[in-house]
């Protein structure tokens, strides 16, 4: 039996990313993972979107006072390289697609083990 998941925020994010080829999603630990083809670059937990960040796009997130996704494991707080996307960015369709493409690039860089060029 196939489980049908309804989540308006997930639907909105997927629709907003419609201009990018190969976008898909899956369930993950009570949230969702967003991928381009098989490459994960985003997470949704509690109707918050977190995109992959590296040196190439971290400044964008810090400018909004954003924070990394974190969880507790064995009494320690673990931060990962996905940061919360501000609502102002998600609501601006053009800016949001730019941020998503930067997150995809960050995920590709991590997969290749390379660092982005410094500007």
PDB file of N, CA and C in Angstrom:
ATOM      1  N   UNK A   1       0.846  -1.185   0.000  1.00  0.00           N
ATOM      2  CA  UNK A   1       0.000   0.000   0.000  1.00  0.00           C
ATOM      3  C   UNK A   1       0.890   1.245   0.000  1.00  0.00           C
ATOM      4  N   UNK A   2       0.638   2.139  -0.912  1.00  0.00           N
ATOM      5  CA  UNK A   2       1.406   3.374  -1.023  1.00  0.00           C
ATOM      6  C   UNK A   2       0.854   4.411  -0.054  1.00  0.00           C
ATOM      7  N   UNK A   3       1.742   5.005   0.692  1.00  0.00           N
ATOM      8  CA  UNK A   3       1.347   6.046   1.639  1.00  0.00           C
ATOM      9  C   UNK A   3       1.369   7.388   0.910  1.00  0.00           C
ATOM     10  N   UNK A   4       0.271   8.085   0.959  1.00  0.00           N
ATOM     11  CA  UNK A   4       0.183   9.398   0.338  1.00  0.00           C
ATOM     12  C   UNK A   4       0.433  10.454   1.404  1.00  0.00           C
ATOM     13  N   UNK A   5       1.407  11.299   1.134  1.00  0.00           N
ATOM     14  CA  UNK A   5       1.762  12.344   2.084  1.00  0.00           C
ATOM     15  C   UNK A   5       1.263  13.669   1.542  1.00  0.00           C
ATOM     16  N   UNK A   6       0.527  14.380   2.364  1.00  0.00           N
ATOM     17  CA  UNK A   6       0.072  15.707   1.973  1.00  0.00           C
ATOM     18  C   UNK A   6       0.747  16.724   2.882  1.00  0.00           C
ATOM     19  N   UNK A   7       1.458  17.641   2.256  1.00  0.00           N
ATOM     20  CA  UNK A   7       2.119  18.685   3.005  1.00  0.00           C
ATOM     21  C   UNK A   7       2.136  19.924   2.126  1.00  0.00           C
ATOM     22  N   UNK A   8       1.377  20.926   2.508  1.00  0.00           N
ATOM     23  CA  UNK A   8       1.247  22.133   1.687  1.00  0.00           C
ATOM     24  C   UNK A   8       2.574  22.854   1.512  1.00  0.00           C
ATOM     25  N   UNK A   9       3.404  22.891   2.544  1.00  0.00           N
ATOM     26  CA  UNK A   9       4.690  23.578   2.431  1.00  0.00           C
ATOM     27  C   UNK A   9       5.589  22.848   1.429  1.00  0.00           C
ATOM     28  N   UNK A  10       5.652  21.530   1.520  1.00  0.00           N
ATOM     29  CA  UNK A  10       6.419  20.736   0.554  1.00  0.00           C
ATOM     30  C   UNK A  10       5.909  21.004  -0.864  1.00  0.00           C
ATOM     31  N   UNK A  11       4.597  20.972  -1.050  1.00  0.00           N
ATOM     32  CA  UNK A  11       4.020  21.232  -2.366  1.00  0.00           C
ATOM     33  C   UNK A  11       4.416  22.613  -2.883  1.00  0.00           C
ATOM     34  N   UNK A  12       4.389  23.620  -2.015  1.00  0.00           N
ATOM     35  CA  UNK A  12       4.758  24.981  -2.405  1.00  0.00           C
ATOM     36  C   UNK A  12       6.222  25.042  -2.830  1.00  0.00           C
ATOM     37  N   UNK A  13       7.095  24.404  -2.068  1.00  0.00           N
ATOM     38  CA  UNK A  13       8.524  24.399  -2.388  1.00  0.00           C
ATOM     39  C   UNK A  13       8.757  23.707  -3.722  1.00  0.00           C
ATOM     40  N   UNK A  14       8.146  22.560  -3.929  1.00  0.00           N
ATOM     41  CA  UNK A  14       8.316  21.832  -5.194  1.00  0.00           C
ATOM     42  C   UNK A  14       7.806  22.645  -6.378  1.00  0.00           C
ATOM     43  N   UNK A  15       6.688  23.301  -6.202  1.00  0.00           N
ATOM     44  CA  UNK A  15       6.147  24.154  -7.267  1.00  0.00           C
ATOM     45  C   UNK A  15       7.097  25.324  -7.546  1.00  0.00           C
ATOM     46  N   UNK A  16       7.654  25.906  -6.500  1.00  0.00           N
ATOM     47  CA  UNK A  16       8.575  27.035  -6.649  1.00  0.00           C
ATOM     48  C   UNK A  16       9.863  26.630  -7.360  1.00  0.00           C
ATOM     49  N   UNK A  17      10.230  25.359  -7.261  1.00  0.00           N
ATOM     50  CA  UNK A  17      11.445  24.848  -7.895  1.00  0.00           C
ATOM     51  C   UNK A  17      11.163  24.222  -9.263  1.00  0.00           C
ATOM     52  N   UNK A  18       9.976  24.441  -9.775  1.00  0.00           N
ATOM     53  CA  UNK A  18       9.544  23.825 -11.025  1.00  0.00           C
ATOM     54  C   UNK A  18      10.399  24.145 -12.234  1.00  0.00           C
ATOM     55  N   UNK A  19      11.128  25.253 -12.202  1.00  0.00           N
ATOM     56  CA  UNK A  19      11.968  25.624 -13.351  1.00  0.00           C
ATOM     57  C   UNK A  19      13.316  24.894 -13.350  1.00  0.00           C
ATOM     58  N   UNK A  20      13.611  24.157 -12.286  1.00  0.00           N
ATOM     59  CA  UNK A  20      14.868  23.411 -12.188  1.00  0.00           C
ATOM     60  C   UNK A  20      14.587  21.950 -12.524  1.00  0.00           C
ATOM     61  N   UNK A  21      15.331  21.407 -13.470  1.00  0.00           N
ATOM     62  CA  UNK A  21      15.114  20.020 -13.886  1.00  0.00           C
ATOM     63  C   UNK A  21      15.495  19.030 -12.790  1.00  0.00           C
ATOM     64  N   UNK A  22      14.788  17.899 -12.769  1.00  0.00           N
ATOM     65  CA  UNK A  22      15.174  16.778 -11.941  1.00  0.00           C
ATOM     66  C   UNK A  22      14.864  16.885 -10.466  1.00  0.00           C
ATOM     67  N   UNK A  23      13.956  17.768 -10.074  1.00  0.00           N
ATOM     68  CA  UNK A  23      13.640  17.928  -8.649  1.00  0.00           C
ATOM     69  C   UNK A  23      12.717  16.798  -8.190  1.00  0.00           C
ATOM     70  N   UNK A  24      13.079  16.195  -7.064  1.00  0.00           N
ATOM     71  CA  UNK A  24      12.259  15.156  -6.452  1.00  0.00           C
ATOM     72  C   UNK A  24      12.363  15.285  -4.937  1.00  0.00           C
ATOM     73  N   UNK A  25      11.613  14.458  -4.233  1.00  0.00           N
ATOM     74  CA  UNK A  25      11.633  14.511  -2.781  1.00  0.00           C
ATOM     75  C   UNK A  25      11.440  13.109  -2.219  1.00  0.00           C
ATOM     76  N   UNK A  26      11.743  12.976  -0.942  1.00  0.00           N
ATOM     77  CA  UNK A  26      11.497  11.731  -0.230  1.00  0.00           C
ATOM     78  C   UNK A  26      11.283  12.029   1.240  1.00  0.00           C
ATOM     79  N   UNK A  27      10.732  11.065   1.944  1.00  0.00           N
ATOM     80  CA  UNK A  27      10.534  11.201   3.386  1.00  0.00           C
ATOM     81  C   UNK A  27      11.838  10.904   4.098  1.00  0.00           C
ATOM     82  N   UNK A  28      12.070  11.615   5.222  1.00  0.00           N
ATOM     83  CA  UNK A  28      13.304  11.408   5.972  1.00  0.00           C
ATOM     84  C   UNK A  28      13.116  11.829   7.422  1.00  0.00           C
ATOM     85  N   UNK A  29      13.162  10.895   8.340  1.00  0.00           N
ATOM     86  CA  UNK A  29      13.134  11.177   9.773  1.00  0.00           C
ATOM     87  C   UNK A  29      12.032  12.162  10.179  1.00  0.00           C
ATOM     88  N   UNK A  30      10.830  11.980   9.672  1.00  0.00           N
ATOM     89  CA  UNK A  30       9.720  12.854  10.021  1.00  0.00           C
ATOM     90  C   UNK A  30       9.690  14.146   9.228  1.00  0.00           C
ATOM     91  N   UNK A  31      10.577  14.288   8.277  1.00  0.00           N
ATOM     92  CA  UNK A  31      10.609  15.462   7.404  1.00  0.00           C
ATOM     93  C   UNK A  31      10.759  15.003   5.970  1.00  0.00           C
ATOM     94  N   UNK A  32      11.335  15.865   5.170  1.00  0.00           N
ATOM     95  CA  UNK A  32      11.497  15.566   3.754  1.00  0.00           C
ATOM     96  C   UNK A  32      12.886  15.968   3.280  1.00  0.00           C
ATOM     97  N   UNK A  33      13.381  15.244   2.289  1.00  0.00           N
ATOM     98  CA  UNK A  33      14.629  15.605   1.631  1.00  0.00           C
ATOM     99  C   UNK A  33      14.269  16.041   0.208  1.00  0.00           C
ATOM    100  N   UNK A  34      14.901  17.111  -0.254  1.00  0.00           N
ATOM    101  CA  UNK A  34      14.699  17.612  -1.613  1.00  0.00           C
ATOM    102  C   UNK A  34      15.966  17.291  -2.397  1.00  0.00           C
ATOM    103  N   UNK A  35      15.793  16.746  -3.595  1.00  0.00           N
ATOM    104  CA  UNK A  35      16.934  16.349  -4.419  1.00  0.00           C
ATOM    105  C   UNK A  35      16.830  16.931  -5.825  1.00  0.00           C
ATOM    106  N   UNK A  36      17.999  17.072  -6.450  1.00  0.00           N
ATOM    107  CA  UNK A  36      18.029  17.234  -7.894  1.00  0.00           C
ATOM    108  C   UNK A  36      18.617  15.936  -8.406  1.00  0.00           C
ATOM    109  N   UNK A  37      17.838  15.219  -9.195  1.00  0.00           N
ATOM    110  CA  UNK A  37      18.171  13.859  -9.573  1.00  0.00           C
ATOM    111  C   UNK A  37      18.409  13.092  -8.280  1.00  0.00           C
ATOM    112  N   UNK A  38      19.565  12.513  -8.038  1.00  0.00           N
ATOM    113  CA  UNK A  38      19.770  11.772  -6.787  1.00  0.00           C
ATOM    114  C   UNK A  38      20.578  12.551  -5.760  1.00  0.00           C
ATOM    115  N   UNK A  39      20.828  13.819  -6.030  1.00  0.00           N
ATOM    116  CA  UNK A  39      21.692  14.621  -5.161  1.00  0.00           C
ATOM    117  C   UNK A  39      20.869  15.433  -4.152  1.00  0.00           C
ATOM    118  N   UNK A  40      20.923  15.073  -2.862  1.00  0.00           N
ATOM    119  CA  UNK A  40      20.170  15.841  -1.866  1.00  0.00           C
ATOM    120  C   UNK A  40      20.784  17.227  -1.655  1.00  0.00           C
ATOM    121  N   UNK A  41      19.924  18.246  -1.644  1.00  0.00           N
ATOM    122  CA  UNK A  41      20.408  19.614  -1.411  1.00  0.00           C
ATOM    123  C   UNK A  41      19.508  20.393  -0.472  1.00  0.00           C
ATOM    124  N   UNK A  42      18.413  19.818  -0.034  1.00  0.00           N
ATOM    125  CA  UNK A  42      17.507  20.528   0.858  1.00  0.00           C
ATOM    126  C   UNK A  42      16.785  19.595   1.810  1.00  0.00           C
ATOM    127  N   UNK A  43      16.378  20.143   2.944  1.00  0.00           N
ATOM    128  CA  UNK A  43      15.618  19.427   3.949  1.00  0.00           C
ATOM    129  C   UNK A  43      14.433  20.280   4.373  1.00  0.00           C
ATOM    130  N   UNK A  44      13.332  19.628   4.683  1.00  0.00           N
ATOM    131  CA  UNK A  44      12.177  20.318   5.263  1.00  0.00           C
ATOM    132  C   UNK A  44      11.830  19.615   6.567  1.00  0.00           C
ATOM    133  N   UNK A  45      11.823  20.381   7.645  1.00  0.00           N
ATOM    134  CA  UNK A  45      11.378  19.902   8.946  1.00  0.00           C
ATOM    135  C   UNK A  45      10.517  20.991   9.570  1.00  0.00           C
ATOM    136  N   UNK A  46       9.355  20.607  10.072  1.00  0.00           N
ATOM    137  CA  UNK A  46       8.452  21.543  10.751  1.00  0.00           C
ATOM    138  C   UNK A  46       8.186  22.784   9.893  1.00  0.00           C
ATOM    139  N   UNK A  47       7.910  22.565   8.611  1.00  0.00           N
ATOM    140  CA  UNK A  47       7.600  23.650   7.671  1.00  0.00           C
ATOM    141  C   UNK A  47       8.694  24.717   7.610  1.00  0.00           C
ATOM    142  N   UNK A  48       9.923  24.284   7.768  1.00  0.00           N
ATOM    143  CA  UNK A  48      11.097  25.137   7.559  1.00  0.00           C
ATOM    144  C   UNK A  48      11.958  24.455   6.517  1.00  0.00           C
ATOM    145  N   UNK A  49      12.494  25.248   5.579  1.00  0.00           N
ATOM    146  CA  UNK A  49      13.363  24.720   4.543  1.00  0.00           C
ATOM    147  C   UNK A  49      14.807  25.031   4.881  1.00  0.00           C
ATOM    148  N   UNK A  50      15.660  24.025   4.740  1.00  0.00           N
ATOM    149  CA  UNK A  50      17.093  24.166   4.980  1.00  0.00           C
ATOM    150  C   UNK A  50      17.819  23.724   3.714  1.00  0.00           C
ATOM    151  N   UNK A  51      18.638  24.608   3.150  1.00  0.00           N
ATOM    152  CA  UNK A  51      19.380  24.276   1.936  1.00  0.00           C
ATOM    153  C   UNK A  51      20.857  24.087   2.233  1.00  0.00           C
ATOM    154  N   UNK A  52      21.524  23.309   1.374  1.00  0.00           N
ATOM    155  CA  UNK A  52      22.958  23.014   1.512  1.00  0.00           C
ATOM    156  C   UNK A  52      23.756  24.308   1.382  1.00  0.00           C
ATOM    157  N   UNK A  53      24.729  24.462   2.265  1.00  0.00           N
ATOM    158  CA  UNK A  53      25.539  25.674   2.329  1.00  0.00           C
ATOM    159  C   UNK A  53      27.015  25.290   2.333  1.00  0.00           C
ATOM    160  N   UNK A  54      27.821  26.117   1.672  1.00  0.00           N
ATOM    161  CA  UNK A  54      29.280  26.004   1.770  1.00  0.00           C
ATOM    162  C   UNK A  54      29.852  27.423   1.687  1.00  0.00           C
ATOM    163  N   UNK A  55      31.153  27.535   1.502  1.00  0.00           N
ATOM    164  CA  UNK A  55      31.787  28.859   1.467  1.00  0.00           C
ATOM    165  C   UNK A  55      31.229  29.744   0.345  1.00  0.00           C
ATOM    166  N   UNK A  56      30.684  29.118  -0.688  1.00  0.00           N
ATOM    167  CA  UNK A  56      30.176  29.882  -1.824  1.00  0.00           C
ATOM    168  C   UNK A  56      28.861  30.599  -1.586  1.00  0.00           C
ATOM    169  N   UNK A  57      28.074  30.146  -0.607  1.00  0.00           N
ATOM    170  CA  UNK A  57      26.776  30.788  -0.370  1.00  0.00           C
ATOM    171  C   UNK A  57      26.476  31.068   1.104  1.00  0.00           C
ATOM    172  N   UNK A  58      27.396  30.782   1.992  1.00  0.00           N
ATOM    173  CA  UNK A  58      27.165  30.992   3.423  1.00  0.00           C
ATOM    174  C   UNK A  58      26.852  32.443   3.765  1.00  0.00           C
ATOM    175  N   UNK A  59      27.506  33.369   3.091  1.00  0.00           N
ATOM    176  CA  UNK A  59      27.290  34.794   3.378  1.00  0.00           C
ATOM    177  C   UNK A  59      25.829  35.208   3.177  1.00  0.00           C
ATOM    178  N   UNK A  60      25.162  34.584   2.197  1.00  0.00           N
ATOM    179  CA  UNK A  60      23.744  34.889   1.941  1.00  0.00           C
ATOM    180  C   UNK A  60      22.901  34.593   3.183  1.00  0.00           C
ATOM    181  N   UNK A  61      23.162  33.465   3.807  1.00  0.00           N
ATOM    182  CA  UNK A  61      22.392  33.037   4.968  1.00  0.00           C
ATOM    183  C   UNK A  61      22.721  33.882   6.200  1.00  0.00           C
ATOM    184  N   UNK A  62      24.010  34.151   6.372  1.00  0.00           N
ATOM    185  CA  UNK A  62      24.417  34.966   7.523  1.00  0.00           C
ATOM    186  C   UNK A  62      23.839  36.376   7.439  1.00  0.00           C
ATOM    187  N   UNK A  63      23.687  36.915   6.227  1.00  0.00           N
ATOM    188  CA  UNK A  63      23.124  38.257   6.047  1.00  0.00           C
ATOM    189  C   UNK A  63      21.691  38.342   6.580  1.00  0.00           C
ATOM    190  N   UNK A  64      20.987  37.206   6.608  1.00  0.00           N
ATOM    191  CA  UNK A  64      19.617  37.160   7.117  1.00  0.00           C
ATOM    192  C   UNK A  64      19.548  36.673   8.556  1.00  0.00           C
ATOM    193  N   UNK A  65      20.698  36.403   9.168  1.00  0.00           N
ATOM    194  CA  UNK A  65      20.702  35.894  10.531  1.00  0.00           C
ATOM    195  C   UNK A  65      20.223  34.455  10.626  1.00  0.00           C
ATOM    196  N   UNK A  66      20.345  33.720   9.548  1.00  0.00           N
ATOM    197  CA  UNK A  66      19.909  32.330   9.513  1.00  0.00           C
ATOM    198  C   UNK A  66      20.838  31.452  10.347  1.00  0.00           C
ATOM    199  N   UNK A  67      20.383  30.236  10.600  1.00  0.00           N
ATOM    200  CA  UNK A  67      21.160  29.295  11.405  1.00  0.00           C
ATOM    201  C   UNK A  67      21.135  27.924  10.740  1.00  0.00           C
ATOM    202  N   UNK A  68      22.132  27.096  11.060  1.00  0.00           N
ATOM    203  CA  UNK A  68      22.158  25.748  10.490  1.00  0.00           C
ATOM    204  C   UNK A  68      21.101  24.841  11.127  1.00  0.00           C
ATOM    205  N   UNK A  69      20.710  23.829  10.385  1.00  0.00           N
ATOM    206  CA  UNK A  69      19.857  22.792  10.940  1.00  0.00           C
ATOM    207  C   UNK A  69      20.678  22.051  11.987  1.00  0.00           C
ATOM    208  N   UNK A  70      20.084  21.776  13.122  1.00  0.00           N
ATOM    209  CA  UNK A  70      20.801  21.062  14.175  1.00  0.00           C
ATOM    210  C   UNK A  70      19.881  20.042  14.828  1.00  0.00           C
ATOM    211  N   UNK A  71      20.514  19.069  15.436  1.00  0.00           N
ATOM    212  CA  UNK A  71      19.775  18.058  16.191  1.00  0.00           C
ATOM    213  C   UNK A  71      20.652  17.597  17.348  1.00  0.00           C
ATOM    214  N   UNK A  72      20.034  16.938  18.296  1.00  0.00           N
ATOM    215  CA  UNK A  72      20.754  16.468  19.470  1.00  0.00           C
ATOM    216  C   UNK A  72      21.040  14.978  19.338  1.00  0.00           C
ATOM    217  N   UNK A  73      22.295  14.602  19.596  1.00  0.00           N
ATOM    218  CA  UNK A  73      22.687  13.202  19.562  1.00  0.00           C
ATOM    219  C   UNK A  73      23.585  12.932  20.755  1.00  0.00           C
ATOM    220  N   UNK A  74      23.150  12.022  21.599  1.00  0.00           N
ATOM    221  CA  UNK A  74      23.898  11.645  22.803  1.00  0.00           C
ATOM    222  C   UNK A  74      24.292  12.873  23.621  1.00  0.00           C
ATOM    223  N   UNK A  75      23.351  13.805  23.760  1.00  0.00           N
ATOM    224  CA  UNK A  75      23.571  14.981  24.578  1.00  0.00           C
ATOM    225  C   UNK A  75      24.364  16.093  23.914  1.00  0.00           C
ATOM    226  N   UNK A  76      24.763  15.905  22.672  1.00  0.00           N
ATOM    227  CA  UNK A  76      25.515  16.938  21.948  1.00  0.00           C
ATOM    228  C   UNK A  76      24.660  17.508  20.833  1.00  0.00           C
ATOM    229  N   UNK A  77      24.821  18.792  20.567  1.00  0.00           N
ATOM    230  CA  UNK A  77      24.132  19.445  19.453  1.00  0.00           C
ATOM    231  C   UNK A  77      24.989  19.284  18.203  1.00  0.00           C
ATOM    232  N   UNK A  78      24.395  18.739  17.156  1.00  0.00           N
ATOM    233  CA  UNK A  78      25.075  18.521  15.885  1.00  0.00           C
ATOM    234  C   UNK A  78      24.507  19.500  14.864  1.00  0.00           C
ATOM    235  N   UNK A  79      25.362  20.337  14.284  1.00  0.00           N
ATOM    236  CA  UNK A  79      24.958  21.234  13.193  1.00  0.00           C
ATOM    237  C   UNK A  79      25.372  20.597  11.881  1.00  0.00           C
ATOM    238  N   UNK A  80      24.500  20.687  10.879  1.00  0.00           N
ATOM    239  CA  UNK A  80      24.860  20.172   9.564  1.00  0.00           C
ATOM    240  C   UNK A  80      24.949  21.330   8.576  1.00  0.00           C
ATOM    241  N   UNK A  81      25.392  21.034   7.369  1.00  0.00           N
ATOM    242  CA  UNK A  81      25.658  22.103   6.395  1.00  0.00           C
ATOM    243  C   UNK A  81      24.421  22.502   5.591  1.00  0.00           C
ATOM    244  N   UNK A  82      23.263  22.379   6.194  1.00  0.00           N
ATOM    245  CA  UNK A  82      22.023  22.901   5.619  1.00  0.00           C
ATOM    246  C   UNK A  82      21.531  23.998   6.552  1.00  0.00           C
ATOM    247  N   UNK A  83      21.298  25.185   5.980  1.00  0.00           N
ATOM    248  CA  UNK A  83      20.872  26.334   6.781  1.00  0.00           C
ATOM    249  C   UNK A  83      19.440  26.722   6.433  1.00  0.00           C
ATOM    250  N   UNK A  84      18.742  27.291   7.422  1.00  0.00           N
ATOM    251  CA  UNK A  84      17.345  27.709   7.245  1.00  0.00           C
ATOM    252  C   UNK A  84      17.240  28.825   6.212  1.00  0.00           C
ATOM    253  N   UNK A  85      16.309  28.636   5.282  1.00  0.00           N
ATOM    254  CA  UNK A  85      16.068  29.648   4.257  1.00  0.00           C
ATOM    255  C   UNK A  85      15.024  30.627   4.798  1.00  0.00           C
ATOM    256  N   UNK A  86      15.364  31.912   4.830  1.00  0.00           N
ATOM    257  CA  UNK A  86      14.410  32.907   5.350  1.00  0.00           C
ATOM    258  C   UNK A  86      13.128  32.967   4.505  1.00  0.00           C
ATOM    259  N   UNK A  87      12.016  33.227   5.172  1.00  0.00           N
ATOM    260  CA  UNK A  87      10.727  33.316   4.476  1.00  0.00           C
ATOM    261  C   UNK A  87      10.767  34.350   3.354  1.00  0.00           C
ATOM    262  N   UNK A  88      11.484  35.471   3.574  1.00  0.00           N
ATOM    263  CA  UNK A  88      11.561  36.518   2.547  1.00  0.00           C
ATOM    264  C   UNK A  88      12.157  35.978   1.249  1.00  0.00           C
ATOM    265  N   UNK A  89      13.090  35.063   1.364  1.00  0.00           N
ATOM    266  CA  UNK A  89      13.724  34.476   0.177  1.00  0.00           C
ATOM    267  C   UNK A  89      12.759  33.512  -0.502  1.00  0.00           C
ATOM    268  N   UNK A  90      12.098  32.671   0.276  1.00  0.00           N
ATOM    269  CA  UNK A  90      11.155  31.702  -0.294  1.00  0.00           C
ATOM    270  C   UNK A  90      10.024  32.422  -1.008  1.00  0.00           C
ATOM    271  N   UNK A  91       9.592  33.553  -0.474  1.00  0.00           N
ATOM    272  CA  UNK A  91       8.469  34.289  -1.059  1.00  0.00           C
ATOM    273  C   UNK A  91       8.846  35.053  -2.322  1.00  0.00           C
ATOM    274  N   UNK A  92      10.121  35.262  -2.573  1.00  0.00           N
ATOM    275  CA  UNK A  92      10.590  35.937  -3.790  1.00  0.00           C
ATOM    276  C   UNK A  92      11.040  34.845  -4.763  1.00  0.00           C
ATOM    277  N   UNK A  93      10.180  34.504  -5.717  1.00  0.00           N
ATOM    278  CA  UNK A  93      10.399  33.342  -6.591  1.00  0.00           C
ATOM    279  C   UNK A  93      11.759  33.353  -7.281  1.00  0.00           C
ATOM    280  N   UNK A  94      12.167  34.488  -7.817  1.00  0.00           N
ATOM    281  CA  UNK A  94      13.436  34.552  -8.548  1.00  0.00           C
ATOM    282  C   UNK A  94      14.627  34.346  -7.616  1.00  0.00           C
ATOM    283  N   UNK A  95      14.599  35.017  -6.477  1.00  0.00           N
ATOM    284  CA  UNK A  95      15.681  34.879  -5.505  1.00  0.00           C
ATOM    285  C   UNK A  95      15.742  33.447  -4.987  1.00  0.00           C
ATOM    286  N   UNK A  96      14.588  32.854  -4.732  1.00  0.00           N
ATOM    287  CA  UNK A  96      14.550  31.497  -4.208  1.00  0.00           C
ATOM    288  C   UNK A  96      15.199  30.507  -5.179  1.00  0.00           C
ATOM    289  N   UNK A  97      14.924  30.637  -6.467  1.00  0.00           N
ATOM    290  CA  UNK A  97      15.534  29.734  -7.452  1.00  0.00           C
ATOM    291  C   UNK A  97      17.054  29.924  -7.477  1.00  0.00           C
ATOM    292  N   UNK A  98      17.519  31.158  -7.350  1.00  0.00           N
ATOM    293  CA  UNK A  98      18.961  31.422  -7.303  1.00  0.00           C
ATOM    294  C   UNK A  98      19.582  30.724  -6.093  1.00  0.00           C
ATOM    295  N   UNK A  99      18.952  30.850  -4.934  1.00  0.00           N
ATOM    296  CA  UNK A  99      19.467  30.209  -3.717  1.00  0.00           C
ATOM    297  C   UNK A  99      19.464  28.682  -3.882  1.00  0.00           C
ATOM    298  N   UNK A 100      18.407  28.147  -4.471  1.00  0.00           N
ATOM    299  CA  UNK A 100      18.329  26.699  -4.674  1.00  0.00           C
ATOM    300  C   UNK A 100      19.456  26.227  -5.592  1.00  0.00           C
ATOM    301  N   UNK A 101      19.723  26.979  -6.656  1.00  0.00           N
ATOM    302  CA  UNK A 101      20.803  26.597  -7.572  1.00  0.00           C
ATOM    303  C   UNK A 101      22.166  26.666  -6.877  1.00  0.00           C
ATOM    304  N   UNK A 102      22.350  27.645  -6.004  1.00  0.00           N
ATOM    305  CA  UNK A 102      23.596  27.721  -5.227  1.00  0.00           C
ATOM    306  C   UNK A 102      23.706  26.530  -4.275  1.00  0.00           C
ATOM    307  N   UNK A 103      22.589  26.108  -3.711  1.00  0.00           N
ATOM    308  CA  UNK A 103      22.589  24.948  -2.811  1.00  0.00           C
ATOM    309  C   UNK A 103      22.914  23.672  -3.588  1.00  0.00           C
ATOM    310  N   UNK A 104      22.387  23.554  -4.785  1.00  0.00           N
ATOM    311  CA  UNK A 104      22.701  22.400  -5.632  1.00  0.00           C
ATOM    312  C   UNK A 104      24.194  22.399  -5.946  1.00  0.00           C
ATOM    313  N   UNK A 105      24.747  23.566  -6.251  1.00  0.00           N
ATOM    314  CA  UNK A 105      26.183  23.666  -6.515  1.00  0.00           C
ATOM    315  C   UNK A 105      26.990  23.265  -5.279  1.00  0.00           C
ATOM    316  N   UNK A 106      26.552  23.706  -4.114  1.00  0.00           N
ATOM    317  CA  UNK A 106      27.244  23.343  -2.866  1.00  0.00           C
ATOM    318  C   UNK A 106      27.212  21.832  -2.663  1.00  0.00           C
ATOM    319  N   UNK A 107      26.075  21.208  -2.954  1.00  0.00           N
ATOM    320  CA  UNK A 107      25.962  19.753  -2.818  1.00  0.00           C
ATOM    321  C   UNK A 107      26.863  19.045  -3.828  1.00  0.00           C
ATOM    322  N   UNK A 108      26.919  19.574  -5.043  1.00  0.00           N
ATOM    323  CA  UNK A 108      27.805  18.987  -6.061  1.00  0.00           C
ATOM    324  C   UNK A 108      29.261  19.125  -5.645  1.00  0.00           C
ATOM    325  N   UNK A 109      29.628  20.294  -5.110  1.00  0.00           N
ATOM    326  CA  UNK A 109      30.998  20.513  -4.647  1.00  0.00           C
ATOM    327  C   UNK A 109      31.358  19.523  -3.546  1.00  0.00           C
ATOM    328  N   UNK A 110      30.436  19.323  -2.618  1.00  0.00           N
ATOM    329  CA  UNK A 110      30.700  18.400  -1.512  1.00  0.00           C
ATOM    330  C   UNK A 110      30.864  16.980  -2.033  1.00  0.00           C
ATOM    331  N   UNK A 111      30.018  16.594  -2.979  1.00  0.00           N
ATOM    332  CA  UNK A 111      30.094  15.248  -3.535  1.00  0.00           C
ATOM    333  C   UNK A 111      31.443  15.024  -4.232  1.00  0.00           C
ATOM    334  N   UNK A 112      31.931  16.037  -4.911  1.00  0.00           N
ATOM    335  CA  UNK A 112      33.220  15.945  -5.602  1.00  0.00           C
ATOM    336  C   UNK A 112      34.392  16.148  -4.647  1.00  0.00           C
ATOM    337  N   UNK A 113      34.106  16.664  -3.449  1.00  0.00           N
ATOM    338  CA  UNK A 113      35.159  16.920  -2.486  1.00  0.00           C
ATOM    339  C   UNK A 113      35.949  18.178  -2.803  1.00  0.00           C
ATOM    340  N   UNK A 114      35.309  19.085  -3.559  1.00  0.00           N
ATOM    341  CA  UNK A 114      36.007  20.322  -3.935  1.00  0.00           C
ATOM    342  C   UNK A 114      35.408  21.510  -3.220  1.00  0.00           C
ATOM    343  N   UNK A 115      36.169  22.568  -3.199  1.00  0.00           N
ATOM    344  CA  UNK A 115      35.695  23.819  -2.624  1.00  0.00           C
ATOM    345  C   UNK A 115      35.386  24.776  -3.762  1.00  0.00           C
ATOM    346  N   UNK A 116      34.398  25.662  -3.568  1.00  0.00           N
ATOM    347  CA  UNK A 116      34.075  26.621  -4.618  1.00  0.00           C
ATOM    348  C   UNK A 116      35.180  27.643  -4.773  1.00  0.00           C
ATOM    349  N   UNK A 117      35.267  28.254  -5.960  1.00  0.00           N
ATOM    350  CA  UNK A 117      36.253  29.312  -6.121  1.00  0.00           C
ATOM    351  C   UNK A 117      35.903  30.492  -5.232  1.00  0.00           C
ATOM    352  N   UNK A 118      36.933  31.150  -4.685  1.00  0.00           N
ATOM    353  CA  UNK A 118      36.688  32.339  -3.848  1.00  0.00           C
ATOM    354  C   UNK A 118      36.526  33.537  -4.738  1.00  0.00           C
ATOM    355  N   UNK A 119      35.562  34.367  -4.384  1.00  0.00           N
ATOM    356  CA  UNK A 119      35.296  35.587  -5.166  1.00  0.00           C
ATOM    357  C   UNK A 119      36.147  36.742  -4.692  1.00  0.00           C
TER     358      UNK A 119
END
